[in-house]
Amino acid sequence: MEKQTPKNNLKKLRIEKGFSQKEFYEDIIKKELGLNITLRTYQNWENPNNEIKSKPALLLAEYFGVNVGYLLGEDERRTTYLTSTLEKYSDNMESPVDFAGYGLLALTRGEKVRDTVIENLREITDYYGHRRFAKEEFKNWSQEKKDLMLKGMQDYADSNIGRFLAGLMTFPDKTKITIIDFLTLDNKEREAVSTIISSLADNPVLHKDYDD
């Protein structure tokens, strides 16, 4: 799993208040906020890449008069991920619901996982038409006709992918993370996992897609 650590703003906020690190630790952390931590622990908190636990984060946010999301860098992370999602996939989205799916996937697992999942979903839905146009019946089609059909296929796939992701992101973490992880695997790995699941579930197959 790709871990995305936000850049916290504690040091920036402390400097804006005009405190040295030691002054802030002695006067605010220990005396005013009553946090029983060592100077070394506080220094670790000021590293933008380190996390701050929820209780001290709440106290610090109240002291600085900012929301916890800003203190922890979550607001900036959300803005970055949502902006990158819009820049990269806005042409593939039909509605705000689609954006919720794409955007929440990035926020939940990061941009790299988002891109891998979307690319694998495109492969699954034959987004680029490789399977469709390899069939004998399409061999003599003009490129213009193929392009027109491909555009329709991609619009349909974009719609399905958007709805799928939007629905998936409403599931409990355990369920959606398992499905997302499955969708980051390559085709051979997905087939191996599918075989294991089918064997364990032992459910009947009542219908198969004609081109599966």
N, C-alpha and C. Protein backbone atom coordinates (compact mmCIF):
# COMPACT_ATOMS: atom_id res chain seq x y z
N MET A 1 0.84 -1.19 0.00
CA MET A 1 0.00 0.00 0.00
C MET A 1 0.87 1.24 0.00
N GLU A 2 0.58 2.18 -0.88
CA GLU A 2 1.34 3.41 -0.96
C GLU A 2 0.91 4.34 0.16
N LYS A 3 1.82 4.69 1.07
CA LYS A 3 1.46 5.55 2.18
C LYS A 3 1.69 7.00 1.79
N GLN A 4 0.64 7.81 1.94
CA GLN A 4 0.72 9.21 1.60
C GLN A 4 0.74 10.01 2.90
N THR A 5 1.90 10.59 3.29
CA THR A 5 1.99 11.36 4.52
C THR A 5 1.86 12.84 4.21
N PRO A 6 0.85 13.52 4.79
CA PRO A 6 0.70 14.94 4.55
C PRO A 6 1.86 15.72 5.16
N LYS A 7 2.10 16.92 4.68
CA LYS A 7 3.13 17.80 5.23
C LYS A 7 2.48 18.69 6.29
N ASN A 8 2.78 18.44 7.58
CA ASN A 8 2.11 19.24 8.61
C ASN A 8 2.71 20.65 8.68
N ASN A 9 1.92 21.58 9.21
CA ASN A 9 2.28 23.00 9.22
C ASN A 9 2.65 23.52 10.60
N LEU A 10 3.01 22.62 11.53
CA LEU A 10 3.28 23.04 12.90
C LEU A 10 4.42 24.06 12.99
N LYS A 11 5.55 23.75 12.36
CA LYS A 11 6.70 24.66 12.43
C LYS A 11 6.35 26.03 11.85
N LYS A 12 5.67 26.03 10.72
CA LYS A 12 5.27 27.28 10.08
C LYS A 12 4.39 28.12 11.01
N LEU A 13 3.43 27.48 11.67
CA LEU A 13 2.52 28.19 12.57
C LEU A 13 3.26 28.72 13.80
N ARG A 14 4.18 27.93 14.32
CA ARG A 14 4.97 28.36 15.49
C ARG A 14 5.81 29.59 15.16
N ILE A 15 6.45 29.58 14.00
CA ILE A 15 7.28 30.72 13.58
C ILE A 15 6.43 31.97 13.38
N GLU A 16 5.23 31.78 12.80
CA GLU A 16 4.34 32.93 12.59
C GLU A 16 3.92 33.57 13.91
N LYS A 17 3.91 32.78 15.00
CA LYS A 17 3.58 33.30 16.33
C LYS A 17 4.77 33.99 16.99
N GLY A 18 5.96 33.84 16.40
CA GLY A 18 7.14 34.52 16.92
C GLY A 18 7.87 33.80 18.03
N PHE A 19 7.63 32.51 18.19
CA PHE A 19 8.30 31.73 19.23
C PHE A 19 9.52 31.01 18.67
N SER A 20 10.56 30.89 19.50
CA SER A 20 11.62 29.94 19.18
C SER A 20 11.07 28.55 19.51
N GLN A 21 11.76 27.53 19.03
CA GLN A 21 11.28 26.17 19.28
C GLN A 21 11.25 25.86 20.77
N LYS A 22 12.31 26.24 21.49
CA LYS A 22 12.38 25.94 22.92
C LYS A 22 11.33 26.73 23.70
N GLU A 23 11.14 28.01 23.34
CA GLU A 23 10.13 28.83 24.01
C GLU A 23 8.74 28.22 23.83
N PHE A 24 8.44 27.82 22.63
CA PHE A 24 7.11 27.27 22.35
C PHE A 24 6.90 25.97 23.13
N TYR A 25 7.95 25.16 23.18
CA TYR A 25 7.85 23.90 23.92
C TYR A 25 7.59 24.16 25.40
N GLU A 26 8.39 25.06 26.01
CA GLU A 26 8.27 25.32 27.45
C GLU A 26 6.98 26.06 27.80
N ASP A 27 6.68 27.14 27.07
CA ASP A 27 5.57 28.02 27.46
C ASP A 27 4.20 27.53 26.98
N ILE A 28 4.17 26.94 25.80
CA ILE A 28 2.87 26.56 25.23
C ILE A 28 2.60 25.07 25.38
N ILE A 29 3.52 24.26 24.88
CA ILE A 29 3.31 22.81 24.91
C ILE A 29 3.15 22.30 26.35
N LYS A 30 4.10 22.65 27.21
CA LYS A 30 4.09 22.11 28.57
C LYS A 30 3.14 22.87 29.50
N LYS A 31 3.25 24.22 29.51
CA LYS A 31 2.50 24.99 30.50
C LYS A 31 1.06 25.25 30.07
N GLU A 32 0.88 25.83 28.88
CA GLU A 32 -0.48 26.23 28.49
C GLU A 32 -1.34 25.04 28.06
N LEU A 33 -0.76 24.14 27.25
CA LEU A 33 -1.55 23.01 26.76
C LEU A 33 -1.45 21.78 27.65
N GLY A 34 -0.46 21.77 28.54
CA GLY A 34 -0.33 20.67 29.50
C GLY A 34 0.00 19.33 28.87
N LEU A 35 0.75 19.36 27.77
CA LEU A 35 1.11 18.11 27.09
C LEU A 35 2.40 17.56 27.70
N ASN A 36 2.32 16.35 28.20
CA ASN A 36 3.46 15.73 28.88
C ASN A 36 4.33 14.98 27.88
N ILE A 37 5.10 15.75 27.11
CA ILE A 37 5.99 15.14 26.11
C ILE A 37 7.38 15.73 26.27
N THR A 38 8.37 15.05 25.73
CA THR A 38 9.75 15.55 25.78
C THR A 38 9.99 16.54 24.65
N LEU A 39 11.06 17.32 24.80
CA LEU A 39 11.43 18.26 23.74
C LEU A 39 11.73 17.50 22.45
N ARG A 40 12.34 16.34 22.56
CA ARG A 40 12.66 15.54 21.37
C ARG A 40 11.38 15.14 20.62
N THR A 41 10.36 14.75 21.38
CA THR A 41 9.09 14.40 20.74
C THR A 41 8.51 15.60 20.01
N TYR A 42 8.56 16.77 20.67
CA TYR A 42 8.04 17.98 20.01
C TYR A 42 8.84 18.29 18.75
N GLN A 43 10.15 18.15 18.83
CA GLN A 43 10.98 18.40 17.65
C GLN A 43 10.61 17.46 16.51
N ASN A 44 10.28 16.22 16.84
CA ASN A 44 9.82 15.27 15.82
C ASN A 44 8.51 15.72 15.19
N TRP A 45 7.63 16.29 16.01
CA TRP A 45 6.36 16.80 15.47
C TRP A 45 6.60 17.89 14.43
N GLU A 46 7.63 18.69 14.65
CA GLU A 46 7.89 19.81 13.74
C GLU A 46 8.46 19.37 12.40
N ASN A 47 8.89 18.13 12.30
CA ASN A 47 9.29 17.60 10.99
C ASN A 47 8.03 17.48 10.15
N PRO A 48 7.95 18.22 9.02
CA PRO A 48 6.70 18.24 8.23
C PRO A 48 6.23 16.86 7.79
N ASN A 49 7.15 15.89 7.72
CA ASN A 49 6.78 14.56 7.25
C ASN A 49 6.27 13.64 8.36
N ASN A 50 6.36 14.10 9.61
CA ASN A 50 5.92 13.27 10.73
C ASN A 50 4.46 13.55 11.08
N GLU A 51 3.81 12.54 11.64
CA GLU A 51 2.40 12.67 12.02
C GLU A 51 2.28 13.13 13.47
N ILE A 52 1.18 13.82 13.77
CA ILE A 52 0.87 14.25 15.13
C ILE A 52 -0.42 13.55 15.54
N LYS A 53 -0.44 12.95 16.71
CA LYS A 53 -1.63 12.21 17.16
C LYS A 53 -2.82 13.15 17.32
N SER A 54 -4.01 12.54 17.33
CA SER A 54 -5.24 13.34 17.24
C SER A 54 -5.45 14.29 18.41
N LYS A 55 -5.20 13.86 19.67
CA LYS A 55 -5.47 14.74 20.82
C LYS A 55 -4.57 15.97 20.80
N PRO A 56 -3.23 15.82 20.73
CA PRO A 56 -2.40 17.03 20.66
C PRO A 56 -2.66 17.86 19.41
N ALA A 57 -3.01 17.20 18.31
CA ALA A 57 -3.31 17.95 17.08
C ALA A 57 -4.51 18.86 17.29
N LEU A 58 -5.52 18.35 17.99
CA LEU A 58 -6.72 19.15 18.26
C LEU A 58 -6.39 20.33 19.16
N LEU A 59 -5.60 20.10 20.22
CA LEU A 59 -5.21 21.18 21.13
C LEU A 59 -4.38 22.24 20.40
N LEU A 60 -3.45 21.80 19.57
CA LEU A 60 -2.61 22.74 18.83
C LEU A 60 -3.43 23.53 17.82
N ALA A 61 -4.35 22.87 17.15
CA ALA A 61 -5.19 23.57 16.17
C ALA A 61 -6.03 24.64 16.86
N GLU A 62 -6.57 24.32 18.04
CA GLU A 62 -7.36 25.30 18.80
C GLU A 62 -6.49 26.47 19.23
N TYR A 63 -5.26 26.17 19.66
CA TYR A 63 -4.35 27.24 20.08
C TYR A 63 -4.04 28.19 18.93
N PHE A 64 -3.74 27.63 17.76
CA PHE A 64 -3.37 28.47 16.61
C PHE A 64 -4.59 29.08 15.91
N GLY A 65 -5.79 28.60 16.25
CA GLY A 65 -6.99 29.12 15.60
C GLY A 65 -7.14 28.67 14.16
N VAL A 66 -6.70 27.43 13.89
CA VAL A 66 -6.85 26.86 12.54
C VAL A 66 -7.58 25.53 12.66
N ASN A 67 -8.06 25.00 11.52
CA ASN A 67 -8.68 23.68 11.61
C ASN A 67 -7.60 22.60 11.62
N VAL A 68 -7.97 21.44 12.14
CA VAL A 68 -7.01 20.34 12.29
C VAL A 68 -6.45 19.92 10.93
N GLY A 69 -7.30 19.96 9.91
CA GLY A 69 -6.86 19.60 8.57
C GLY A 69 -5.70 20.45 8.09
N TYR A 70 -5.77 21.75 8.36
CA TYR A 70 -4.68 22.64 7.94
C TYR A 70 -3.42 22.34 8.74
N LEU A 71 -3.56 22.18 10.07
CA LEU A 71 -2.40 21.88 10.91
C LEU A 71 -1.67 20.64 10.41
N LEU A 72 -2.43 19.61 10.08
CA LEU A 72 -1.83 18.33 9.66
C LEU A 72 -1.46 18.28 8.19
N GLY A 73 -1.80 19.33 7.44
CA GLY A 73 -1.48 19.34 6.02
C GLY A 73 -2.49 18.63 5.16
N GLU A 74 -3.60 18.18 5.78
CA GLU A 74 -4.60 17.42 5.02
C GLU A 74 -5.27 18.29 3.96
N ASP A 75 -5.53 19.56 4.27
CA ASP A 75 -6.18 20.44 3.30
C ASP A 75 -5.36 20.56 2.03
N GLU A 76 -4.03 20.74 2.21
CA GLU A 76 -3.14 20.87 1.05
C GLU A 76 -3.08 19.58 0.26
N ARG A 77 -3.07 18.47 0.98
CA ARG A 77 -3.02 17.16 0.30
C ARG A 77 -4.29 16.95 -0.51
N ARG A 78 -5.45 17.28 0.09
CA ARG A 78 -6.71 17.13 -0.64
C ARG A 78 -6.70 17.99 -1.89
N THR A 79 -6.26 19.24 -1.73
CA THR A 79 -6.24 20.16 -2.88
C THR A 79 -5.35 19.62 -3.98
N THR A 80 -4.16 19.12 -3.60
CA THR A 80 -3.22 18.59 -4.58
C THR A 80 -3.81 17.40 -5.33
N TYR A 81 -4.38 16.43 -4.59
CA TYR A 81 -4.92 15.23 -5.21
C TYR A 81 -6.14 15.53 -6.08
N LEU A 82 -7.02 16.40 -5.58
CA LEU A 82 -8.23 16.70 -6.35
C LEU A 82 -7.89 17.50 -7.60
N THR A 83 -6.91 18.41 -7.46
CA THR A 83 -6.48 19.19 -8.64
C THR A 83 -5.86 18.27 -9.68
N SER A 84 -4.99 17.36 -9.24
CA SER A 84 -4.34 16.45 -10.19
C SER A 84 -5.37 15.53 -10.85
N THR A 85 -6.41 15.16 -10.10
CA THR A 85 -7.46 14.31 -10.67
C THR A 85 -8.23 15.06 -11.74
N LEU A 86 -8.56 16.31 -11.47
CA LEU A 86 -9.26 17.13 -12.46
C LEU A 86 -8.42 17.32 -13.71
N GLU A 87 -7.14 17.64 -13.51
CA GLU A 87 -6.25 17.89 -14.65
C GLU A 87 -6.10 16.66 -15.53
N LYS A 88 -6.05 15.49 -14.90
CA LYS A 88 -5.75 14.27 -15.65
C LYS A 88 -6.99 13.59 -16.22
N TYR A 89 -8.12 13.69 -15.50
CA TYR A 89 -9.28 12.87 -15.90
C TYR A 89 -10.57 13.65 -16.15
N SER A 90 -10.52 14.98 -16.15
CA SER A 90 -11.77 15.74 -16.30
C SER A 90 -12.50 15.41 -17.59
N ASP A 91 -11.77 15.12 -18.67
CA ASP A 91 -12.41 14.78 -19.94
C ASP A 91 -13.13 13.43 -19.90
N ASN A 92 -12.79 12.61 -18.91
CA ASN A 92 -13.39 11.28 -18.80
C ASN A 92 -14.57 11.23 -17.84
N MET A 93 -14.86 12.37 -17.20
CA MET A 93 -15.93 12.40 -16.20
C MET A 93 -17.18 13.03 -16.78
N GLU A 94 -18.32 12.41 -16.49
CA GLU A 94 -19.59 12.93 -16.99
C GLU A 94 -20.34 13.73 -15.94
N SER A 95 -20.06 13.50 -14.66
CA SER A 95 -20.86 14.14 -13.61
C SER A 95 -20.03 14.30 -12.34
N PRO A 96 -20.53 15.11 -11.38
CA PRO A 96 -19.85 15.24 -10.09
C PRO A 96 -19.68 13.91 -9.37
N VAL A 97 -20.61 12.98 -9.62
CA VAL A 97 -20.50 11.65 -8.99
C VAL A 97 -19.23 10.95 -9.47
N ASP A 98 -18.93 11.07 -10.77
CA ASP A 98 -17.70 10.48 -11.29
C ASP A 98 -16.48 11.09 -10.61
N PHE A 99 -16.50 12.42 -10.46
CA PHE A 99 -15.37 13.10 -9.82
C PHE A 99 -15.18 12.61 -8.39
N ALA A 100 -16.29 12.36 -7.70
CA ALA A 100 -16.19 11.85 -6.33
C ALA A 100 -15.46 10.52 -6.30
N GLY A 101 -15.76 9.65 -7.26
CA GLY A 101 -15.10 8.35 -7.31
C GLY A 101 -13.62 8.46 -7.60
N TYR A 102 -13.27 9.21 -8.65
CA TYR A 102 -11.87 9.39 -9.02
C TYR A 102 -11.11 10.10 -7.89
N GLY A 103 -11.70 11.18 -7.37
CA GLY A 103 -11.02 11.98 -6.35
C GLY A 103 -10.83 11.24 -5.05
N LEU A 104 -11.87 10.55 -4.59
CA LEU A 104 -11.77 9.81 -3.33
C LEU A 104 -10.79 8.65 -3.43
N LEU A 105 -10.69 8.06 -4.61
CA LEU A 105 -9.70 7.00 -4.81
C LEU A 105 -8.29 7.55 -4.59
N ALA A 106 -8.02 8.74 -5.14
CA ALA A 106 -6.71 9.37 -4.96
C ALA A 106 -6.46 9.71 -3.50
N LEU A 107 -7.48 10.26 -2.82
CA LEU A 107 -7.33 10.62 -1.41
C LEU A 107 -7.12 9.40 -0.53
N THR A 108 -7.77 8.30 -0.88
CA THR A 108 -7.70 7.09 -0.07
C THR A 108 -6.38 6.35 -0.24
N ARG A 109 -5.91 6.25 -1.49
CA ARG A 109 -4.74 5.40 -1.75
C ARG A 109 -3.60 6.10 -2.47
N GLY A 110 -3.78 7.35 -2.89
CA GLY A 110 -2.70 8.07 -3.56
C GLY A 110 -2.83 8.06 -5.07
N GLU A 111 -2.07 8.95 -5.70
CA GLU A 111 -2.18 9.14 -7.15
C GLU A 111 -1.70 7.93 -7.95
N LYS A 112 -0.62 7.31 -7.48
CA LYS A 112 -0.06 6.17 -8.21
C LYS A 112 -1.07 5.02 -8.25
N VAL A 113 -1.69 4.73 -7.11
CA VAL A 113 -2.69 3.66 -7.06
C VAL A 113 -3.89 4.04 -7.91
N ARG A 114 -4.34 5.30 -7.81
CA ARG A 114 -5.46 5.77 -8.64
C ARG A 114 -5.20 5.50 -10.11
N ASP A 115 -4.02 5.91 -10.58
CA ASP A 115 -3.70 5.76 -12.01
C ASP A 115 -3.62 4.29 -12.42
N THR A 116 -3.06 3.44 -11.54
CA THR A 116 -2.95 2.01 -11.84
C THR A 116 -4.33 1.37 -11.93
N VAL A 117 -5.20 1.70 -10.97
CA VAL A 117 -6.55 1.14 -10.96
C VAL A 117 -7.31 1.55 -12.21
N ILE A 118 -7.24 2.83 -12.56
CA ILE A 118 -7.98 3.32 -13.72
C ILE A 118 -7.45 2.68 -15.00
N GLU A 119 -6.14 2.56 -15.11
CA GLU A 119 -5.57 1.95 -16.32
C GLU A 119 -5.96 0.48 -16.42
N ASN A 120 -5.97 -0.22 -15.28
CA ASN A 120 -6.39 -1.63 -15.31
C ASN A 120 -7.87 -1.78 -15.61
N LEU A 121 -8.70 -0.86 -15.12
CA LEU A 121 -10.12 -0.89 -15.46
C LEU A 121 -10.32 -0.63 -16.95
N ARG A 122 -9.49 0.22 -17.51
CA ARG A 122 -9.56 0.46 -18.96
C ARG A 122 -9.16 -0.79 -19.73
N GLU A 123 -8.15 -1.47 -19.24
CA GLU A 123 -7.75 -2.73 -19.90
C GLU A 123 -8.89 -3.74 -19.83
N ILE A 124 -9.52 -3.85 -18.66
CA ILE A 124 -10.62 -4.80 -18.47
C ILE A 124 -11.78 -4.48 -19.39
N THR A 125 -12.08 -3.19 -19.59
CA THR A 125 -13.22 -2.78 -20.43
C THR A 125 -12.84 -2.62 -21.90
N ASP A 126 -11.62 -3.03 -22.27
CA ASP A 126 -11.16 -2.91 -23.67
C ASP A 126 -11.24 -1.47 -24.16
N TYR A 127 -10.78 -0.56 -23.31
CA TYR A 127 -10.87 0.88 -23.57
C TYR A 127 -10.18 1.28 -24.87
N TYR A 128 -9.10 0.61 -25.20
CA TYR A 128 -8.32 0.97 -26.39
C TYR A 128 -8.69 0.12 -27.60
N GLY A 129 -9.64 -0.79 -27.43
CA GLY A 129 -10.16 -1.56 -28.54
C GLY A 129 -9.26 -2.67 -29.05
N HIS A 130 -8.24 -3.04 -28.28
CA HIS A 130 -7.30 -4.06 -28.76
C HIS A 130 -8.00 -5.39 -29.02
N ARG A 131 -8.85 -5.82 -28.11
CA ARG A 131 -9.54 -7.11 -28.29
C ARG A 131 -10.61 -7.01 -29.37
N ARG A 132 -11.36 -5.94 -29.34
CA ARG A 132 -12.45 -5.77 -30.31
C ARG A 132 -11.92 -5.76 -31.75
N PHE A 133 -10.91 -4.96 -32.02
CA PHE A 133 -10.46 -4.79 -33.40
C PHE A 133 -9.50 -5.87 -33.87
N ALA A 134 -9.15 -6.79 -32.96
CA ALA A 134 -8.35 -7.95 -33.37
C ALA A 134 -9.22 -9.02 -34.01
N LYS A 135 -10.55 -8.89 -33.88
CA LYS A 135 -11.47 -9.88 -34.44
C LYS A 135 -11.55 -9.74 -35.95
N GLU A 136 -11.75 -10.87 -36.58
CA GLU A 136 -11.76 -10.94 -38.05
C GLU A 136 -12.78 -9.99 -38.67
N GLU A 137 -13.94 -9.85 -38.05
CA GLU A 137 -15.02 -9.05 -38.64
C GLU A 137 -14.69 -7.57 -38.77
N PHE A 138 -13.65 -7.11 -38.02
CA PHE A 138 -13.30 -5.69 -38.08
C PHE A 138 -12.06 -5.42 -38.93
N LYS A 139 -11.47 -6.46 -39.48
CA LYS A 139 -10.21 -6.32 -40.21
C LYS A 139 -10.32 -5.37 -41.40
N ASN A 140 -11.47 -5.38 -42.08
CA ASN A 140 -11.62 -4.56 -43.29
C ASN A 140 -12.28 -3.21 -43.03
N TRP A 141 -12.49 -2.88 -41.79
CA TRP A 141 -13.10 -1.58 -41.48
C TRP A 141 -12.11 -0.45 -41.76
N SER A 142 -12.62 0.68 -42.20
CA SER A 142 -11.76 1.85 -42.40
C SER A 142 -11.34 2.40 -41.04
N GLN A 143 -10.23 3.14 -41.02
CA GLN A 143 -9.76 3.71 -39.76
C GLN A 143 -10.78 4.70 -39.19
N GLU A 144 -11.43 5.43 -40.08
CA GLU A 144 -12.44 6.41 -39.64
C GLU A 144 -13.59 5.71 -38.90
N LYS A 145 -14.02 4.59 -39.44
CA LYS A 145 -15.11 3.84 -38.83
C LYS A 145 -14.68 3.25 -37.49
N LYS A 146 -13.43 2.76 -37.44
CA LYS A 146 -12.89 2.23 -36.18
C LYS A 146 -12.80 3.33 -35.12
N ASP A 147 -12.32 4.51 -35.54
CA ASP A 147 -12.18 5.63 -34.60
C ASP A 147 -13.53 6.03 -34.02
N LEU A 148 -14.54 6.03 -34.87
CA LEU A 148 -15.89 6.39 -34.41
C LEU A 148 -16.41 5.38 -33.39
N MET A 149 -16.20 4.09 -33.70
CA MET A 149 -16.64 3.06 -32.76
C MET A 149 -15.84 3.15 -31.46
N LEU A 150 -14.53 3.37 -31.57
CA LEU A 150 -13.68 3.45 -30.38
C LEU A 150 -14.12 4.60 -29.48
N LYS A 151 -14.49 5.73 -30.08
CA LYS A 151 -14.96 6.87 -29.28
C LYS A 151 -16.20 6.48 -28.48
N GLY A 152 -17.12 5.77 -29.11
CA GLY A 152 -18.32 5.31 -28.40
C GLY A 152 -17.98 4.34 -27.29
N MET A 153 -17.04 3.42 -27.57
CA MET A 153 -16.62 2.45 -26.56
C MET A 153 -15.99 3.15 -25.35
N GLN A 154 -15.16 4.17 -25.63
CA GLN A 154 -14.48 4.86 -24.54
C GLN A 154 -15.44 5.70 -23.71
N ASP A 155 -16.40 6.34 -24.36
CA ASP A 155 -17.41 7.10 -23.61
C ASP A 155 -18.20 6.17 -22.68
N TYR A 156 -18.56 5.01 -23.21
CA TYR A 156 -19.31 4.03 -22.42
C TYR A 156 -18.46 3.51 -21.26
N ALA A 157 -17.19 3.22 -21.54
CA ALA A 157 -16.28 2.72 -20.50
C ALA A 157 -16.06 3.79 -19.42
N ASP A 158 -15.86 5.05 -19.84
CA ASP A 158 -15.67 6.14 -18.88
C ASP A 158 -16.87 6.25 -17.94
N SER A 159 -18.06 6.14 -18.51
CA SER A 159 -19.28 6.21 -17.71
C SER A 159 -19.34 5.07 -16.70
N ASN A 160 -19.02 3.86 -17.14
CA ASN A 160 -19.05 2.69 -16.25
C ASN A 160 -17.97 2.78 -15.17
N ILE A 161 -16.78 3.21 -15.56
CA ILE A 161 -15.68 3.33 -14.59
C ILE A 161 -16.02 4.38 -13.53
N GLY A 162 -16.56 5.52 -13.98
CA GLY A 162 -16.94 6.57 -13.03
C GLY A 162 -17.97 6.10 -12.02
N ARG A 163 -19.01 5.42 -12.52
CA ARG A 163 -20.06 4.92 -11.62
C ARG A 163 -19.52 3.84 -10.69
N PHE A 164 -18.67 2.97 -11.24
CA PHE A 164 -18.08 1.90 -10.42
C PHE A 164 -17.25 2.48 -9.28
N LEU A 165 -16.37 3.44 -9.59
CA LEU A 165 -15.51 4.03 -8.55
C LEU A 165 -16.33 4.79 -7.52
N ALA A 166 -17.34 5.52 -7.98
CA ALA A 166 -18.19 6.28 -7.05
C ALA A 166 -18.89 5.33 -6.07
N GLY A 167 -19.39 4.21 -6.59
CA GLY A 167 -20.04 3.23 -5.71
C GLY A 167 -19.04 2.55 -4.79
N LEU A 168 -17.89 2.18 -5.35
CA LEU A 168 -16.87 1.48 -4.57
C LEU A 168 -16.42 2.31 -3.37
N MET A 169 -16.26 3.62 -3.56
CA MET A 169 -15.74 4.47 -2.49
C MET A 169 -16.73 4.67 -1.35
N THR A 170 -17.97 4.20 -1.50
CA THR A 170 -18.94 4.27 -0.40
C THR A 170 -18.88 3.03 0.48
N PHE A 171 -18.13 2.01 0.05
CA PHE A 171 -18.05 0.76 0.81
C PHE A 171 -17.20 0.94 2.07
N PRO A 172 -17.35 0.07 3.08
CA PRO A 172 -16.46 0.09 4.24
C PRO A 172 -15.01 -0.11 3.80
N ASP A 173 -14.08 0.45 4.58
CA ASP A 173 -12.66 0.43 4.20
C ASP A 173 -12.16 -0.97 3.86
N LYS A 174 -12.50 -1.96 4.70
CA LYS A 174 -11.97 -3.30 4.50
C LYS A 174 -12.35 -3.84 3.12
N THR A 175 -13.59 -3.58 2.73
CA THR A 175 -14.08 -4.09 1.44
C THR A 175 -13.45 -3.33 0.28
N LYS A 176 -13.51 -2.00 0.35
CA LYS A 176 -13.03 -1.23 -0.80
C LYS A 176 -11.52 -1.34 -0.98
N ILE A 177 -10.78 -1.41 0.14
CA ILE A 177 -9.32 -1.52 0.03
C ILE A 177 -8.93 -2.85 -0.60
N THR A 178 -9.64 -3.92 -0.24
CA THR A 178 -9.37 -5.23 -0.84
C THR A 178 -9.61 -5.20 -2.35
N ILE A 179 -10.72 -4.59 -2.76
CA ILE A 179 -11.04 -4.52 -4.19
C ILE A 179 -10.05 -3.63 -4.92
N ILE A 180 -9.69 -2.50 -4.30
CA ILE A 180 -8.70 -1.60 -4.92
C ILE A 180 -7.37 -2.32 -5.08
N ASP A 181 -6.94 -3.02 -4.03
CA ASP A 181 -5.67 -3.76 -4.12
C ASP A 181 -5.71 -4.79 -5.24
N PHE A 182 -6.84 -5.48 -5.37
CA PHE A 182 -7.01 -6.46 -6.45
C PHE A 182 -6.84 -5.77 -7.81
N LEU A 183 -7.40 -4.57 -7.94
CA LEU A 183 -7.36 -3.87 -9.22
C LEU A 183 -6.00 -3.23 -9.53
N THR A 184 -5.07 -3.27 -8.58
CA THR A 184 -3.71 -2.80 -8.88
C THR A 184 -2.83 -3.92 -9.42
N LEU A 185 -3.31 -5.16 -9.33
CA LEU A 185 -2.53 -6.30 -9.82
C LEU A 185 -2.55 -6.34 -11.34
N ASP A 186 -1.52 -6.96 -11.92
CA ASP A 186 -1.53 -7.10 -13.38
C ASP A 186 -2.47 -8.24 -13.77
N ASN A 187 -2.69 -8.40 -15.06
CA ASN A 187 -3.70 -9.34 -15.55
C ASN A 187 -3.46 -10.77 -15.06
N LYS A 188 -2.22 -11.22 -15.11
CA LYS A 188 -1.89 -12.59 -14.69
C LYS A 188 -2.17 -12.79 -13.20
N GLU A 189 -1.82 -11.77 -12.40
CA GLU A 189 -2.05 -11.86 -10.95
C GLU A 189 -3.55 -11.83 -10.64
N ARG A 190 -4.30 -11.01 -11.36
CA ARG A 190 -5.75 -10.95 -11.14
C ARG A 190 -6.40 -12.30 -11.47
N GLU A 191 -5.94 -12.92 -12.55
CA GLU A 191 -6.49 -14.23 -12.93
C GLU A 191 -6.20 -15.28 -11.85
N ALA A 192 -4.99 -15.23 -11.29
CA ALA A 192 -4.63 -16.19 -10.24
C ALA A 192 -5.50 -16.00 -9.00
N VAL A 193 -5.69 -14.74 -8.60
CA VAL A 193 -6.53 -14.45 -7.43
C VAL A 193 -7.98 -14.83 -7.71
N SER A 194 -8.46 -14.55 -8.91
CA SER A 194 -9.84 -14.90 -9.28
C SER A 194 -10.08 -16.40 -9.21
N THR A 195 -9.08 -17.17 -9.64
CA THR A 195 -9.19 -18.63 -9.58
C THR A 195 -9.32 -19.11 -8.14
N ILE A 196 -8.52 -18.53 -7.26
CA ILE A 196 -8.58 -18.90 -5.83
C ILE A 196 -9.94 -18.54 -5.24
N ILE A 197 -10.42 -17.32 -5.54
CA ILE A 197 -11.72 -16.88 -5.00
C ILE A 197 -12.85 -17.77 -5.52
N SER A 198 -12.82 -18.08 -6.82
CA SER A 198 -13.86 -18.94 -7.40
C SER A 198 -13.86 -20.31 -6.75
N SER A 199 -12.66 -20.82 -6.48
CA SER A 199 -12.54 -22.13 -5.85
C SER A 199 -13.10 -22.12 -4.43
N LEU A 200 -12.81 -21.05 -3.68
CA LEU A 200 -13.30 -20.95 -2.31
C LEU A 200 -14.81 -20.72 -2.26
N ALA A 201 -15.31 -19.87 -3.16
CA ALA A 201 -16.74 -19.55 -3.16
C ALA A 201 -17.57 -20.70 -3.70
N ASP A 202 -17.07 -21.36 -4.74
CA ASP A 202 -17.75 -22.51 -5.35
C ASP A 202 -19.20 -22.18 -5.73
N ASN A 203 -19.38 -21.02 -6.36
CA ASN A 203 -20.71 -20.61 -6.82
C ASN A 203 -20.92 -20.99 -8.27
N PRO A 204 -22.17 -21.26 -8.67
CA PRO A 204 -22.43 -21.60 -10.08
C PRO A 204 -22.27 -20.39 -10.99
N VAL A 205 -21.83 -20.62 -12.23
CA VAL A 205 -21.76 -19.56 -13.24
C VAL A 205 -22.97 -19.73 -14.14
N LEU A 206 -23.92 -18.78 -14.06
CA LEU A 206 -25.15 -18.89 -14.83
C LEU A 206 -25.05 -18.23 -16.19
N HIS A 207 -24.09 -17.30 -16.34
CA HIS A 207 -23.95 -16.59 -17.61
C HIS A 207 -22.53 -16.07 -17.73
N LYS A 208 -21.98 -16.13 -18.93
CA LYS A 208 -20.67 -15.54 -19.20
C LYS A 208 -20.79 -14.60 -20.38
N ASP A 209 -20.06 -13.46 -20.31
CA ASP A 209 -20.07 -12.53 -21.44
C ASP A 209 -19.54 -13.24 -22.68
N TYR A 210 -20.13 -12.94 -23.81
CA TYR A 210 -19.77 -13.66 -25.03
C TYR A 210 -18.32 -13.44 -25.44
N ASP A 211 -17.76 -12.30 -25.06
CA ASP A 211 -16.37 -12.04 -25.48
C ASP A 211 -15.41 -12.13 -24.31
N ASP A 212 -15.80 -12.76 -23.22
CA ASP A 212 -14.94 -12.87 -22.03
C ASP A 212 -13.73 -13.75 -22.33
